Amino acid sequence: MNVRVLRIELRRSVAPWAGVVVLTSALAFLYLLSGPWWKGTALWTAQWTSMALWTRSLLVILWPLAVGFGALQGLRDHRSKMSELLTSTPRPAWHRAAMLAGTTAITLVSAFALLVLQGAVQVLADAEYTHLGWLPISLVGALALVAGAVLGMGVGRALPSPLTPPALAVGAFVVTNLLRQWTSDSAVPTASVPNRVSLLSPGVAEVRDVFLTLSASVHLGQTLWLLGMAATGFALLAATTPRARLLALTPVLAGAALALLVLPSDPRRTYVVDDDAAAPVCDGPVCVAKAHQARLADLAAPGRKALRLLHDALGDQAPVSVRETTVIRALGTTPERSPRSVLVDFDDGTIATAKGEELTRALLAQGMAPTCSPRSDNESGTLGEIAAQSIAAGWVLGDLRPLGGTVHSSRDQLDLARPAWKRLKELPRAEQVSRISAMHAAALSCKGDLLATLAGVASR
């Protein structure tokens, strides 16, 4: 396709509008709506993989648009009443199909590339961890838009009715949502249909964990499926007889069969841990995941200070390292705990926003009384746990203060903590040490009421 033909096709087709609508819809969704893509460590501009997955998740709405615009493009010859004239020309039908499909493919790929570029510029400015593992996620997303549009063109050419474009767009939207994988309470996203079938959808689940990425078998299976879909759409677009249209269904059926053989049946083989992103980067005893290595400089000094204070308070029972937890776990499950490490989760509000002395206090609190409450969208812990942590950190530092970054107000924390704090401080030093040690052991085992242990009363 030369430049002159491309300019002509752009002027007389809806391809430019398809690209504009796809791009503006995606940007409006990301920037005008408040959602999880702007929160936590997995926000869409924080890391490369998160950016690629969030933009792919938008295909739930962008892919039906591409299919609908493709069908509208496929009706062009029928609307202009040129079908019989074009079939009488010596030029092969596949030449005309290639021009039509190529123009739309260029505009849709350009629109999706601009969307990815918008996120990539922001990631490049903030993230120190750079890799190319995100690229297949975005490439498959661009292929999905092209395949959907070409399929829509083919169906529009085969079924030249004004109802075809809206019917295809609505049908595609329904199908993508039926097959959609959801970020549920499980450790990895799951769907209400068999996993292999759900992966035929071009969209992906919302991003909850920065260490999860799509496996190579998912990329391969979806590529086979989408290539078959695109081939069927192109064959329908070029077909001139009923038999040719019937044979045109062969590629999409073959692509689906091959894809179902390749795609994983287990959600845990669909979303896998990116070992490189989760690899530790350390400054002495303080370690973070490679994906968050930019945070190490702020964490190192408070972490070392917290470890010294923990050793003074707990002796040989104290943790000897600070490390970021990279264990993928389900919502509602007990967090990872370790007697030898203070575990850091940057989605925990007490850690995420803290700096300097405030961060030292937060690390000290987590080391003295590790959180036991099941995971939720905010991992600050229950009010009782936070009150116990504030007492434990205050006992080491010499003053009772509320912990910041939690969903619990400072007043609520102090109102619950003061009675136990007063009882503890009235005791001889040896008894205080004994109760602090008992509270630490109870927190590690997730057994007992920490405030009751500190106050020396029966557990509620």
Protein backbone atom coordinates (compact mmCIF):
# COMPACT_ATOMS: atom_id res chain seq x y z
CA MET A 1 0.00 0.00 0.00
CA ASN A 2 1.65 3.24 -1.11
CA VAL A 3 1.25 6.60 0.61
CA ARG A 4 -1.16 7.96 -2.01
CA VAL A 5 -3.54 5.04 -1.65
CA LEU A 6 -3.28 5.29 2.13
CA ARG A 7 -4.26 8.97 2.07
CA ILE A 8 -7.24 8.22 -0.14
CA GLU A 9 -8.40 5.39 2.11
CA LEU A 10 -8.05 7.55 5.21
CA ARG A 11 -10.23 10.25 3.62
CA ARG A 12 -13.02 7.93 2.49
CA SER A 13 -13.15 5.50 5.41
CA VAL A 14 -14.10 5.54 9.08
CA ALA A 15 -10.64 4.26 10.06
CA PRO A 16 -9.42 7.61 11.49
CA TRP A 17 -12.56 7.89 13.60
CA ALA A 18 -12.02 4.38 14.92
CA GLY A 19 -8.54 5.31 16.12
CA VAL A 20 -9.71 8.59 17.66
CA VAL A 21 -12.64 6.98 19.51
CA VAL A 22 -10.48 4.13 20.84
CA LEU A 23 -7.78 6.48 22.10
CA THR A 24 -10.07 9.10 23.63
CA SER A 25 -12.27 6.45 25.27
CA ALA A 26 -9.26 4.82 26.90
CA LEU A 27 -7.78 8.10 28.14
CA ALA A 28 -11.16 9.31 29.42
CA PHE A 29 -11.62 6.06 31.34
CA LEU A 30 -8.17 6.26 32.92
CA TYR A 31 -8.10 9.98 33.71
CA LEU A 32 -11.71 10.92 34.37
CA LEU A 33 -12.67 7.96 36.55
CA SER A 34 -11.15 7.16 39.92
CA GLY A 35 -10.31 3.51 40.26
CA PRO A 36 -7.72 0.98 41.40
CA TRP A 37 -5.48 1.93 38.47
CA TRP A 38 -4.56 5.05 40.46
CA LYS A 39 -3.97 3.34 43.82
CA GLY A 40 -1.33 1.25 45.55
CA THR A 41 1.89 -0.15 44.14
CA ALA A 42 0.15 -1.55 41.04
CA LEU A 43 -1.17 1.76 39.68
CA TRP A 44 -0.93 1.96 35.91
CA THR A 45 1.98 4.41 35.76
CA ALA A 46 4.15 2.78 38.44
CA GLN A 47 5.70 -0.24 36.69
CA TRP A 48 6.03 -1.49 33.13
CA THR A 49 4.07 -4.70 33.63
CA SER A 50 1.29 -2.94 35.53
CA MET A 51 1.02 -0.33 32.76
CA ALA A 52 0.77 -3.02 30.08
CA LEU A 53 -1.83 -5.03 32.01
CA TRP A 54 -3.98 -2.01 32.84
CA THR A 55 -4.05 -0.89 29.19
CA ARG A 56 -4.90 -4.47 28.17
CA SER A 57 -7.73 -4.54 30.71
CA LEU A 58 -9.33 -1.64 28.80
CA LEU A 59 -9.90 -3.98 25.83
CA VAL A 60 -13.09 -5.05 27.60
CA ILE A 61 -14.56 -1.81 26.22
CA LEU A 62 -12.13 -0.99 23.39
CA TRP A 63 -12.35 -4.33 21.58
CA PRO A 64 -16.15 -4.14 21.03
CA LEU A 65 -15.63 -0.62 19.66
CA ALA A 66 -13.03 -1.93 17.21
CA VAL A 67 -15.36 -4.73 16.11
CA GLY A 68 -18.24 -2.29 15.61
CA PHE A 69 -16.15 0.19 13.61
CA GLY A 70 -14.79 -2.67 11.53
CA ALA A 71 -18.32 -3.79 10.67
CA LEU A 72 -19.23 -0.22 9.73
CA GLN A 73 -16.19 -0.12 7.47
CA GLY A 74 -17.23 -3.41 5.89
CA LEU A 75 -20.58 -1.90 4.87
CA ARG A 76 -18.96 0.86 2.82
CA ASP A 77 -19.23 -0.75 -0.62
CA HIS A 78 -22.80 -1.86 0.05
CA ARG A 79 -23.84 1.61 1.23
CA SER A 80 -22.30 3.23 -1.87
CA LYS A 81 -23.94 0.59 -4.11
CA MET A 82 -20.58 -0.23 -5.71
CA SER A 83 -20.39 -3.95 -4.96
CA GLU A 84 -21.28 -5.12 -8.47
CA LEU A 85 -19.04 -2.51 -10.10
CA LEU A 86 -16.02 -3.53 -7.99
CA THR A 87 -16.49 -7.24 -8.69
CA SER A 88 -16.39 -6.52 -12.44
CA THR A 89 -12.94 -4.89 -12.27
CA PRO A 90 -9.82 -6.99 -13.02
CA ARG A 91 -8.22 -6.12 -9.69
CA PRO A 92 -8.26 -9.13 -7.28
CA ALA A 93 -10.71 -8.87 -4.39
CA TRP A 94 -7.97 -9.50 -1.85
CA HIS A 95 -6.18 -6.31 -3.03
CA ARG A 96 -9.19 -4.21 -2.10
CA ALA A 97 -9.58 -6.14 1.16
CA ALA A 98 -5.94 -5.53 2.02
CA MET A 99 -6.29 -1.77 1.50
CA LEU A 100 -9.43 -1.61 3.60
CA ALA A 101 -8.07 -3.76 6.43
CA GLY A 102 -4.61 -2.20 6.34
CA THR A 103 -5.92 1.35 6.81
CA THR A 104 -8.00 0.43 9.84
CA ALA A 105 -5.19 -1.69 11.29
CA ILE A 106 -2.75 1.23 11.07
CA THR A 107 -5.09 3.65 12.83
CA LEU A 108 -6.03 1.23 15.62
CA VAL A 109 -2.45 0.16 16.26
CA SER A 110 -1.39 3.81 16.30
CA ALA A 111 -4.14 4.66 18.79
CA PHE A 112 -3.19 1.80 21.10
CA ALA A 113 0.51 2.65 20.74
CA LEU A 114 -0.20 6.24 21.79
CA LEU A 115 -2.10 4.97 24.83
CA VAL A 116 0.81 2.74 25.82
CA LEU A 117 3.25 5.56 25.13
CA GLN A 118 1.30 7.86 27.45
CA GLY A 119 1.78 5.39 30.28
CA ALA A 120 5.35 4.49 29.29
CA VAL A 121 6.54 8.08 29.53
CA GLN A 122 5.30 8.31 33.11
CA VAL A 123 6.71 4.90 34.06
CA LEU A 124 10.08 5.81 32.55
CA ALA A 125 10.20 8.96 34.66
CA ASP A 126 9.52 7.18 37.97
CA ALA A 127 10.54 3.50 37.79
CA GLU A 128 14.14 2.34 38.13
CA TYR A 129 13.29 -1.25 37.21
CA THR A 130 13.27 -1.51 33.42
CA HIS A 131 12.60 -4.68 31.40
CA LEU A 132 10.94 -5.88 28.21
CA GLY A 133 8.68 -8.50 29.76
CA TRP A 134 5.72 -6.15 29.38
CA LEU A 135 6.08 -5.88 25.59
CA PRO A 136 4.28 -9.16 24.63
CA ILE A 137 1.29 -8.07 26.73
CA SER A 138 0.92 -4.85 24.73
CA LEU A 139 1.69 -6.47 21.36
CA VAL A 140 -1.08 -9.03 21.86
CA GLY A 141 -3.41 -6.18 22.84
CA ALA A 142 -2.67 -4.33 19.58
CA LEU A 143 -3.18 -7.56 17.62
CA ALA A 144 -6.55 -8.05 19.35
CA LEU A 145 -7.79 -4.66 18.17
CA VAL A 146 -6.70 -5.37 14.61
CA ALA A 147 -8.18 -8.87 14.59
CA GLY A 148 -11.48 -7.63 16.01
CA ALA A 149 -11.73 -4.83 13.45
CA VAL A 150 -10.89 -7.13 10.51
CA LEU A 151 -13.39 -9.71 11.73
CA GLY A 152 -16.02 -6.96 11.96
CA MET A 153 -15.23 -5.90 8.38
CA GLY A 154 -15.64 -9.43 7.13
CA VAL A 155 -18.95 -9.93 8.91
CA GLY A 156 -20.13 -6.51 7.74
CA ARG A 157 -19.32 -7.43 4.15
CA ALA A 158 -21.02 -10.84 4.48
CA LEU A 159 -24.10 -9.45 6.27
CA PRO A 160 -24.62 -5.96 4.78
CA SER A 161 -27.29 -4.66 7.14
CA PRO A 162 -27.39 -1.38 9.09
CA LEU A 163 -28.00 -3.49 12.19
CA THR A 164 -24.77 -5.46 11.79
CA PRO A 165 -22.33 -2.93 13.37
CA PRO A 166 -24.34 -2.24 16.56
CA ALA A 167 -25.28 -5.90 16.91
CA LEU A 168 -21.64 -6.98 16.59
CA ALA A 169 -20.44 -4.32 19.05
CA VAL A 170 -23.02 -5.30 21.67
CA GLY A 171 -22.37 -9.00 21.10
CA ALA A 172 -18.60 -8.48 21.48
CA PHE A 173 -19.15 -6.51 24.69
CA VAL A 174 -21.35 -9.24 26.14
CA VAL A 175 -18.88 -11.98 25.20
CA THR A 176 -15.83 -10.18 26.62
CA ASN A 177 -17.63 -9.63 29.91
CA LEU A 178 -18.86 -13.23 30.09
CA LEU A 179 -15.30 -14.46 29.54
CA ARG A 180 -13.72 -11.80 31.70
CA GLN A 181 -11.34 -12.80 34.47
CA TRP A 182 -12.04 -11.03 37.73
CA THR A 183 -9.71 -10.00 40.52
CA SER A 184 -11.55 -12.03 43.12
CA ASP A 185 -10.63 -13.18 46.62
CA SER A 186 -8.27 -15.81 45.20
CA ALA A 187 -4.53 -15.30 44.94
CA VAL A 188 -4.77 -14.91 41.14
CA PRO A 189 -7.66 -13.70 38.94
CA THR A 190 -10.31 -16.28 38.08
CA ALA A 191 -13.37 -16.44 35.81
CA SER A 192 -16.83 -17.98 35.94
CA VAL A 193 -16.06 -20.09 32.85
CA PRO A 194 -13.21 -22.60 32.33
CA ASN A 195 -9.86 -20.86 32.40
CA ARG A 196 -8.90 -21.78 28.83
CA VAL A 197 -12.18 -20.40 27.51
CA SER A 198 -11.85 -17.18 29.50
CA LEU A 199 -8.45 -16.55 27.90
CA LEU A 200 -10.10 -16.25 24.48
CA SER A 201 -11.16 -12.79 25.65
CA PRO A 202 -8.67 -10.08 24.60
CA GLY A 203 -8.98 -8.31 27.96
CA VAL A 204 -7.24 -9.18 31.21
CA ALA A 205 -8.18 -8.81 34.86
CA GLU A 206 -7.55 -5.70 36.91
CA VAL A 207 -4.05 -5.55 38.34
CA ARG A 208 -3.78 -6.25 42.07
CA ASP A 209 -0.19 -7.42 42.53
CA VAL A 210 2.84 -5.87 40.89
CA PHE A 211 4.69 -9.20 40.85
CA LEU A 212 2.16 -11.02 38.66
CA THR A 213 2.48 -11.23 34.89
CA LEU A 214 1.02 -13.35 32.08
CA SER A 215 2.81 -16.58 31.21
CA ALA A 216 4.36 -17.32 27.80
CA SER A 217 1.71 -19.96 27.04
CA VAL A 218 -0.99 -17.29 27.37
CA HIS A 219 0.78 -15.03 24.88
CA LEU A 220 1.22 -17.89 22.41
CA GLY A 221 -2.33 -19.23 22.73
CA GLN A 222 -3.95 -15.81 22.38
CA THR A 223 -1.75 -14.97 19.39
CA LEU A 224 -2.85 -18.15 17.59
CA TRP A 225 -6.50 -17.39 18.33
CA LEU A 226 -6.28 -13.77 17.20
CA LEU A 227 -4.38 -14.63 14.01
CA GLY A 228 -7.10 -17.14 13.15
CA MET A 229 -9.73 -14.49 13.84
CA ALA A 230 -7.95 -11.95 11.63
CA ALA A 231 -7.53 -14.51 8.84
CA THR A 232 -11.23 -15.34 8.91
CA GLY A 233 -12.17 -11.67 8.84
CA PHE A 234 -9.85 -11.03 5.88
CA ALA A 235 -11.18 -14.09 4.04
CA LEU A 236 -14.77 -12.94 4.56
CA LEU A 237 -13.82 -9.48 3.37
CA ALA A 238 -12.32 -10.87 0.14
CA ALA A 239 -14.90 -13.64 -0.43
CA THR A 240 -17.23 -13.28 -3.40
CA THR A 241 -19.19 -16.56 -3.24
CA PRO A 242 -21.16 -18.36 -0.51
CA ARG A 243 -18.71 -21.26 -0.63
CA ALA A 244 -15.76 -18.94 -0.09
CA ARG A 245 -17.53 -17.38 2.89
CA LEU A 246 -18.13 -20.81 4.39
CA LEU A 247 -14.48 -21.81 3.93
CA ALA A 248 -13.46 -18.51 5.50
CA LEU A 249 -14.57 -19.85 8.89
CA THR A 250 -11.76 -22.45 8.84
CA PRO A 251 -8.96 -20.19 10.19
CA VAL A 252 -10.90 -18.99 13.23
CA LEU A 253 -11.96 -22.53 14.12
CA ALA A 254 -8.41 -23.80 13.69
CA GLY A 255 -7.05 -20.88 15.72
CA ALA A 256 -9.52 -21.58 18.53
CA ALA A 257 -8.64 -25.29 18.56
CA LEU A 258 -4.89 -24.63 18.67
CA ALA A 259 -5.31 -21.90 21.28
CA LEU A 260 -7.32 -24.17 23.58
CA LEU A 261 -4.55 -26.76 23.36
CA VAL A 262 -1.90 -24.19 24.32
CA LEU A 263 -3.70 -22.00 26.86
CA PRO A 264 -3.29 -23.10 30.51
CA SER A 265 -6.23 -24.64 32.34
CA ASP A 266 -5.04 -23.47 35.77
CA PRO A 267 -5.30 -19.77 36.74
CA ARG A 268 -1.99 -20.15 38.60
CA ARG A 269 -0.30 -20.99 35.30
CA THR A 270 -2.00 -18.02 33.67
CA TYR A 271 -0.80 -15.35 36.08
CA VAL A 272 2.68 -16.22 37.29
CA VAL A 273 5.19 -14.50 39.53
CA ASP A 274 7.76 -12.45 37.65
CA ASP A 275 10.88 -13.86 39.34
CA ASP A 276 13.08 -11.04 38.11
CA ALA A 277 10.74 -8.36 39.49
CA ALA A 278 10.53 -10.19 42.84
CA ALA A 279 14.30 -10.74 43.15
CA PRO A 280 15.75 -9.07 46.28
CA VAL A 281 17.90 -5.94 46.11
CA CYS A 282 19.64 -5.30 49.43
CA ASP A 283 21.46 -2.64 51.38
CA GLY A 284 22.92 -4.66 54.24
CA PRO A 285 20.09 -6.34 56.15
CA VAL A 286 17.40 -4.27 54.40
CA CYS A 287 16.01 -5.75 51.17
CA VAL A 288 13.26 -4.83 48.72
CA ALA A 289 12.06 -6.45 45.51
CA LYS A 290 13.80 -5.38 42.33
CA ALA A 291 10.56 -3.84 41.11
CA HIS A 292 10.70 -1.42 44.07
CA GLN A 293 14.43 -0.80 44.20
CA ALA A 294 13.80 2.94 44.04
CA ARG A 295 12.39 2.71 47.59
CA LEU A 296 15.52 1.11 49.07
CA ALA A 297 17.33 4.40 49.68
CA ASP A 298 14.51 5.71 51.90
CA LEU A 299 14.03 2.37 53.66
CA ALA A 300 17.65 1.44 54.44
CA ALA A 301 18.53 3.83 57.28
CA PRO A 302 15.16 3.59 59.13
CA GLY A 303 15.28 -0.18 58.64
CA ARG A 304 18.72 -0.55 60.22
CA LYS A 305 17.70 1.67 63.11
CA ALA A 306 14.54 -0.34 63.67
CA LEU A 307 16.56 -3.57 63.73
CA ARG A 308 18.89 -2.15 66.41
CA LEU A 309 15.94 -1.09 68.54
CA LEU A 310 14.26 -4.47 68.08
CA HIS A 311 17.41 -6.25 69.24
CA ASP A 312 17.57 -4.05 72.33
CA ALA A 313 13.93 -4.84 73.12
CA LEU A 314 13.67 -8.53 72.21
CA GLY A 315 17.24 -9.76 72.44
CA ASP A 316 17.86 -13.03 70.59
CA GLN A 317 14.19 -13.23 69.58
CA ALA A 318 14.44 -10.04 67.51
CA PRO A 319 14.29 -10.03 63.71
CA VAL A 320 17.65 -9.63 62.01
CA SER A 321 16.53 -8.27 58.62
CA VAL A 322 13.95 -6.10 56.93
CA ARG A 323 12.64 -7.46 53.63
CA GLU A 324 9.73 -6.84 51.30
CA THR A 325 7.21 -9.66 51.18
CA THR A 326 6.63 -10.97 47.66
CA VAL A 327 4.31 -13.88 48.51
CA ILE A 328 1.17 -13.87 46.36
CA ARG A 329 -1.79 -14.52 48.62
CA ALA A 330 -5.53 -14.33 48.47
CA LEU A 331 -7.70 -11.68 50.03
CA GLY A 332 -8.94 -12.85 53.41
CA THR A 333 -5.84 -14.94 54.19
CA THR A 334 -3.40 -14.38 57.02
CA PRO A 335 -0.35 -12.34 55.99
CA GLU A 336 3.09 -13.90 55.81
CA ARG A 337 5.01 -13.63 59.09
CA SER A 338 8.60 -14.40 59.95
CA PRO A 339 10.37 -14.47 63.33
CA ARG A 340 13.66 -13.46 61.69
CA SER A 341 12.49 -10.66 59.40
CA VAL A 342 10.41 -7.52 59.54
CA LEU A 343 8.18 -7.96 56.50
CA VAL A 344 7.37 -4.87 54.48
CA ASP A 345 4.38 -4.49 52.17
CA PHE A 346 4.31 -1.18 50.31
CA ASP A 347 0.54 -1.44 49.94
CA ASP A 348 0.30 -1.12 53.72
CA GLY A 349 -0.57 2.49 54.46
CA THR A 350 1.61 2.61 57.59
CA ILE A 351 4.68 1.85 55.44
CA ALA A 352 3.79 3.34 52.07
CA THR A 353 3.68 7.01 53.06
CA ALA A 354 6.05 7.02 56.05
CA LYS A 355 9.48 8.68 55.98
CA GLY A 356 12.40 8.98 58.41
CA GLU A 357 11.46 8.61 62.08
CA GLU A 358 7.85 7.86 61.21
CA LEU A 359 9.04 4.96 59.04
CA THR A 360 11.30 3.70 61.83
CA ARG A 361 8.31 3.66 64.18
CA ALA A 362 6.18 1.83 61.60
CA LEU A 363 8.89 -0.81 61.03
CA LEU A 364 9.39 -1.15 64.76
CA ALA A 365 5.66 -1.66 65.25
CA GLN A 366 5.54 -4.31 62.52
CA GLY A 367 8.58 -6.08 63.95
CA MET A 368 7.23 -6.10 67.51
CA ALA A 369 3.68 -7.15 66.57
CA PRO A 370 3.35 -8.49 62.98
CA THR A 371 -0.12 -8.00 61.51
CA CYS A 372 -2.38 -11.05 61.66
CA SER A 373 -5.63 -9.74 60.24
CA PRO A 374 -6.64 -11.15 56.83
CA ARG A 375 -5.60 -9.22 53.79
CA SER A 376 -7.92 -6.53 52.46
CA ASP A 377 -7.53 -3.61 50.07
CA ASN A 378 -6.00 -1.68 52.95
CA GLU A 379 -3.56 -3.70 55.01
CA SER A 380 -3.37 -1.47 58.06
CA GLY A 381 -4.78 -4.18 60.35
CA THR A 382 -7.63 -4.07 62.83
CA LEU A 383 -7.96 -1.28 65.35
CA GLY A 384 -6.86 -3.66 68.13
CA GLU A 385 -3.74 -4.66 66.21
CA ILE A 386 -2.84 -1.06 65.44
CA ALA A 387 -3.34 -0.08 69.09
CA ALA A 388 -1.09 -2.95 70.21
CA GLN A 389 1.54 -1.99 67.66
CA SER A 390 1.50 1.62 68.81
CA ILE A 391 1.99 0.49 72.42
CA ALA A 392 4.86 -1.84 71.47
CA ALA A 393 6.62 0.83 69.42
CA GLY A 394 5.94 3.43 72.09
CA TRP A 395 7.39 1.15 74.77
CA VAL A 396 10.66 0.94 72.82
CA LEU A 397 10.79 4.63 71.89
CA GLY A 398 9.52 5.97 75.20
CA ASP A 399 6.30 7.68 74.08
CA LEU A 400 2.86 6.52 72.96
CA ARG A 401 1.92 7.83 69.52
CA PRO A 402 -0.66 6.71 66.95
CA LEU A 403 0.54 5.14 63.72
CA GLY A 404 -0.08 7.11 60.54
CA GLY A 405 -1.43 5.89 57.24
CA THR A 406 -4.13 3.64 58.71
CA VAL A 407 -7.88 3.65 58.22
CA HIS A 408 -8.23 4.19 61.97
CA SER A 409 -8.12 7.70 63.37
CA SER A 410 -5.46 8.78 65.83
CA ARG A 411 -8.13 9.39 68.46
CA ASP A 412 -9.55 5.88 68.12
CA GLN A 413 -6.09 4.36 68.36
CA LEU A 414 -5.17 6.29 71.49
CA ASP A 415 -8.53 5.75 73.19
CA LEU A 416 -8.08 2.00 72.84
CA ALA A 417 -4.35 1.94 73.60
CA ARG A 418 -4.14 4.21 76.69
CA PRO A 419 -5.66 1.81 79.27
CA ALA A 420 -3.30 -1.03 78.30
CA TRP A 421 -0.38 1.43 78.06
CA LYS A 422 -1.08 2.73 81.56
CA ARG A 423 -1.28 -0.79 83.03
CA LEU A 424 1.94 -1.81 81.30
CA LYS A 425 3.94 1.24 82.41
CA GLU A 426 2.90 0.77 86.05
CA LEU A 427 4.62 -2.62 86.18
CA PRO A 428 8.25 -3.29 87.16
CA ARG A 429 10.65 -3.31 84.24
CA ALA A 430 11.12 -7.09 84.27
CA GLU A 431 7.36 -7.66 84.08
CA GLN A 432 7.08 -5.17 81.23
CA VAL A 433 9.73 -7.06 79.28
CA SER A 434 7.90 -10.32 79.97
CA ARG A 435 4.59 -8.98 78.64
CA ILE A 436 6.22 -7.44 75.58
CA SER A 437 7.85 -10.80 74.79
CA ALA A 438 4.53 -12.59 75.31
CA MET A 439 2.78 -10.10 73.03
CA HIS A 440 5.45 -10.62 70.35
CA ALA A 441 5.06 -14.41 70.53
CA ALA A 442 1.26 -14.11 70.34
CA ALA A 443 1.50 -11.88 67.27
CA LEU A 444 3.83 -14.31 65.49
CA SER A 445 1.48 -17.22 66.19
CA CYS A 446 -1.68 -15.15 65.56
CA LYS A 447 -3.14 -16.44 68.81
CA GLY A 448 -4.58 -14.41 71.65
CA ASP A 449 -5.56 -10.80 72.20
CA LEU A 450 -2.48 -8.60 72.00
CA LEU A 451 -3.96 -5.75 74.05
CA ALA A 452 -5.12 -8.20 76.74
CA THR A 453 -1.62 -9.72 76.84
CA LEU A 454 -0.07 -6.28 77.32
CA ALA A 455 -2.60 -5.26 79.96
CA GLY A 456 -2.37 -8.59 81.81
CA VAL A 457 -6.10 -9.35 81.61
CA ALA A 458 -7.97 -12.38 80.30
CA SER A 459 -8.40 -12.50 76.53
CA ARG A 460 -11.76 -11.38 75.26
